[in-house]
Amino acid sequence: MKYTYKLLVIIVLAFLFLFLYDRYRVVPEIFFNQINLYSWEGKQVFLKPNGKFQLVVFWQTWCGDCHEGMPKVSAALFSKPNIEGIAITNEPFEKQLSHQAKLGNWNFLRVDSERDRTILALQDLGVYSFPTYFLLNPSGEKIWSCIGNVDTDEVNRLIQTKEVSVP
C-alpha cells in the first residue's frame, strides 16, 4: 500500500511538472547582434537596429505550429511600415523554398552550421521549441518573447505603447 501511494505521488508530481513546464517555459536570452546569419545570396548578415520593430521567429520546415501561426502573423502585422519579420532556421534554403510562399512576408535567414563552427544549431542558441518569437524595439532591445503561436493583438498593443515611449 505504501508503494502505491509513493507511485501515485510521483505520477502526480510528474504531471504537475509537465504542466508547469509547458505553461511557464523560459525563453532563452539571445544576443541577436552576435549571431552569424546568412541570406539567400550567401552574404553574412547581422541583425541590427534599423528604426523599425523587428519580430524574429526561430522556425523549422517540419513545425506544424510554424505553418499555422506565421501566415497569420504576417497578414496581421507586416502591412504596417514600422515592423518587419525575420524568420531564422538552420535548415538549407533549398528545403525552405517550398514553404516560404505559404508562410507570408518574412525575411528568411539561416544560421549556417557549415560556415560558422561556433553556432552548430539553433539548440546552441538555447532555442528548443518552435516557433520561438522575439519582438525587438527600434533600438534593437528585446521587449517581448513567446514560445508557440503569437497573439497578434498583444504584439500590436506592445508596438503601440512602445512607439509612444521611443524617442
Protein backbone atom coordinates (compact mmCIF):
# COMPACT_ATOMS: atom_id res chain seq x y z
CA MET A 1 0.00 0.00 0.00
CA LYS A 2 2.88 2.41 0.81
CA TYR A 3 4.37 1.64 -2.59
CA THR A 4 1.09 2.57 -4.30
CA TYR A 5 0.96 5.95 -2.55
CA LYS A 6 4.57 6.71 -3.44
CA LEU A 7 3.93 5.80 -7.04
CA LEU A 8 0.79 7.94 -7.11
CA VAL A 9 2.68 10.92 -5.64
CA ILE A 10 5.45 10.53 -8.22
CA ILE A 11 2.93 10.40 -11.07
CA VAL A 12 1.08 13.49 -9.78
CA LEU A 13 4.35 15.41 -9.39
CA ALA A 14 5.45 14.41 -12.90
CA PHE A 15 2.17 15.68 -14.40
CA LEU A 16 2.42 18.87 -12.36
CA PHE A 17 5.98 19.44 -13.59
CA LEU A 18 4.97 18.88 -17.22
CA PHE A 19 2.00 21.22 -16.89
CA LEU A 20 4.09 23.98 -15.30
CA TYR A 21 6.93 23.48 -17.77
CA ASP A 22 4.59 23.83 -20.73
CA ARG A 23 2.86 26.87 -19.24
CA TYR A 24 5.91 28.74 -17.91
CA ARG A 25 8.71 27.79 -20.29
CA VAL A 26 11.64 30.13 -20.15
CA VAL A 27 12.55 31.79 -23.41
CA PRO A 28 16.33 31.92 -23.86
CA GLU A 29 18.32 35.13 -23.69
CA ILE A 30 19.78 35.64 -27.15
CA PHE A 31 22.18 38.36 -28.24
CA PHE A 32 20.93 38.95 -31.76
CA ASN A 33 23.81 41.16 -32.83
CA GLN A 34 26.23 38.27 -32.22
CA ILE A 35 24.51 35.62 -34.35
CA ASN A 36 26.09 34.99 -37.74
CA LEU A 37 23.24 34.74 -40.21
CA TYR A 38 23.28 34.23 -43.96
CA SER A 39 20.96 35.47 -46.68
CA TRP A 40 19.85 33.65 -49.85
CA GLU A 41 22.84 35.13 -51.66
CA GLY A 42 25.22 33.67 -49.08
CA LYS A 43 26.06 37.06 -47.62
CA GLN A 44 26.70 37.26 -43.91
CA VAL A 45 24.04 39.32 -42.13
CA PHE A 46 23.80 40.64 -38.58
CA LEU A 47 20.57 41.81 -37.00
CA LYS A 48 21.00 45.49 -36.21
CA PRO A 49 18.59 48.19 -35.10
CA ASN A 50 17.05 49.76 -38.19
CA GLY A 51 14.45 52.11 -36.73
CA LYS A 52 11.67 49.52 -37.03
CA PHE A 53 10.26 46.92 -34.69
CA GLN A 54 11.62 43.50 -35.64
CA LEU A 55 9.61 40.36 -34.97
CA VAL A 56 12.10 37.48 -35.05
CA VAL A 57 10.92 33.88 -35.21
CA PHE A 58 13.00 30.74 -34.95
CA TRP A 59 11.23 28.08 -37.02
CA GLN A 60 11.62 24.74 -38.81
CA THR A 61 10.05 23.40 -42.01
CA TRP A 62 8.57 20.40 -40.16
CA CYS A 63 6.92 22.57 -37.46
CA GLY A 64 3.10 22.49 -37.70
CA ASP A 65 2.66 25.45 -35.32
CA CYS A 66 5.05 27.49 -37.50
CA HIS A 67 2.97 26.78 -40.60
CA GLU A 68 -0.21 27.67 -38.73
CA GLY A 69 0.96 30.83 -36.98
CA MET A 70 3.48 32.52 -39.27
CA PRO A 71 0.98 33.34 -42.09
CA LYS A 72 -1.45 34.83 -39.56
CA VAL A 73 1.29 36.97 -38.02
CA SER A 74 2.45 38.09 -41.46
CA ALA A 75 -1.07 39.09 -42.53
CA ALA A 76 -1.83 40.88 -39.25
CA LEU A 77 1.41 42.77 -38.68
CA PHE A 78 3.61 43.21 -41.72
CA SER A 79 1.30 45.55 -43.60
CA LYS A 80 2.44 48.26 -41.16
CA PRO A 81 5.52 50.26 -42.16
CA ASN A 82 7.06 50.18 -38.66
CA ILE A 83 7.53 46.39 -38.29
CA GLU A 84 9.40 43.72 -40.19
CA GLY A 85 9.53 39.97 -39.76
CA ILE A 86 12.71 37.91 -39.68
CA ALA A 87 12.47 34.12 -39.83
CA ILE A 88 15.59 32.19 -38.77
CA THR A 89 16.27 28.49 -39.17
CA ASN A 90 19.26 26.20 -39.52
CA GLU A 91 17.79 24.30 -42.46
CA PRO A 92 19.14 24.70 -46.01
CA PHE A 93 17.40 27.31 -48.18
CA GLU A 94 16.53 24.59 -50.72
CA LYS A 95 14.47 22.84 -48.05
CA GLN A 96 12.76 26.12 -47.06
CA LEU A 97 11.86 27.14 -50.61
CA SER A 98 8.61 25.16 -50.90
CA HIS A 99 7.36 26.55 -47.57
CA GLN A 100 8.21 30.24 -47.90
CA ALA A 101 5.37 31.30 -50.19
CA LYS A 102 2.84 29.86 -47.74
CA LEU A 103 4.37 31.49 -44.66
CA GLY A 104 3.98 35.13 -45.64
CA ASN A 105 6.16 38.20 -45.93
CA TRP A 106 9.15 37.23 -43.75
CA ASN A 107 12.82 37.95 -44.37
CA PHE A 108 14.22 34.40 -44.33
CA LEU A 109 17.73 33.98 -42.90
CA ARG A 110 19.77 30.94 -41.98
CA VAL A 111 22.18 30.07 -39.19
CA ASP A 112 24.79 28.31 -41.29
CA SER A 113 26.38 25.48 -39.34
CA GLU A 114 28.80 24.62 -42.17
CA ARG A 115 30.31 28.12 -42.36
CA ASP A 116 30.00 29.09 -38.71
CA ARG A 117 31.55 26.44 -36.47
CA THR A 118 30.72 28.43 -33.32
CA ILE A 119 26.98 28.04 -33.91
CA LEU A 120 26.25 24.49 -34.97
CA ALA A 121 22.48 24.54 -34.50
CA LEU A 122 19.63 26.56 -33.06
CA GLN A 123 19.90 24.46 -29.91
CA ASP A 124 23.30 26.03 -29.30
CA LEU A 125 21.43 29.34 -29.02
CA GLY A 126 19.03 27.87 -26.47
CA VAL A 127 16.11 27.51 -28.90
CA TYR A 128 14.49 24.13 -28.26
CA SER A 129 10.84 24.82 -29.11
CA PHE A 130 9.35 26.06 -32.34
CA PRO A 131 8.16 28.61 -33.09
CA THR A 132 10.01 30.91 -30.67
CA TYR A 133 9.25 34.61 -31.22
CA PHE A 134 11.09 37.74 -30.07
CA LEU A 135 9.99 41.34 -30.55
CA LEU A 136 12.84 43.84 -30.75
CA ASN A 137 12.19 47.57 -30.43
CA PRO A 138 13.64 50.08 -32.94
CA SER A 139 16.78 50.29 -30.75
CA GLY A 140 17.31 46.51 -31.07
CA GLU A 141 16.37 45.63 -27.46
CA LYS A 142 14.20 42.61 -26.74
CA ILE A 143 10.85 43.78 -25.35
CA TRP A 144 8.78 40.61 -25.64
CA SER A 145 9.15 36.90 -26.31
CA CYS A 146 6.86 33.93 -26.79
CA ILE A 147 7.14 30.18 -27.33
CA GLY A 148 4.34 28.83 -29.52
CA ASN A 149 1.84 30.76 -31.57
CA VAL A 150 1.59 34.52 -31.21
CA ASP A 151 -1.33 36.63 -30.08
CA THR A 152 -1.11 39.35 -32.75
CA ASP A 153 -3.34 41.68 -30.71
CA GLU A 154 -0.81 41.55 -27.87
CA VAL A 155 2.05 42.37 -30.26
CA ASN A 156 0.04 45.28 -31.71
CA ARG A 157 -0.58 46.65 -28.19
CA LEU A 158 3.13 46.36 -27.37
CA ILE A 159 4.11 48.19 -30.54
CA GLN A 160 1.58 50.97 -29.92
CA THR A 161 2.68 51.50 -26.30
CA LYS A 162 6.39 51.32 -27.16
CA GLU A 163 6.01 53.75 -30.09
CA VAL A 164 4.93 56.42 -27.65
CA SER A 165 7.99 55.86 -25.46
CA VAL A 166 10.56 55.51 -28.26
CA PRO A 167 12.38 58.81 -28.90
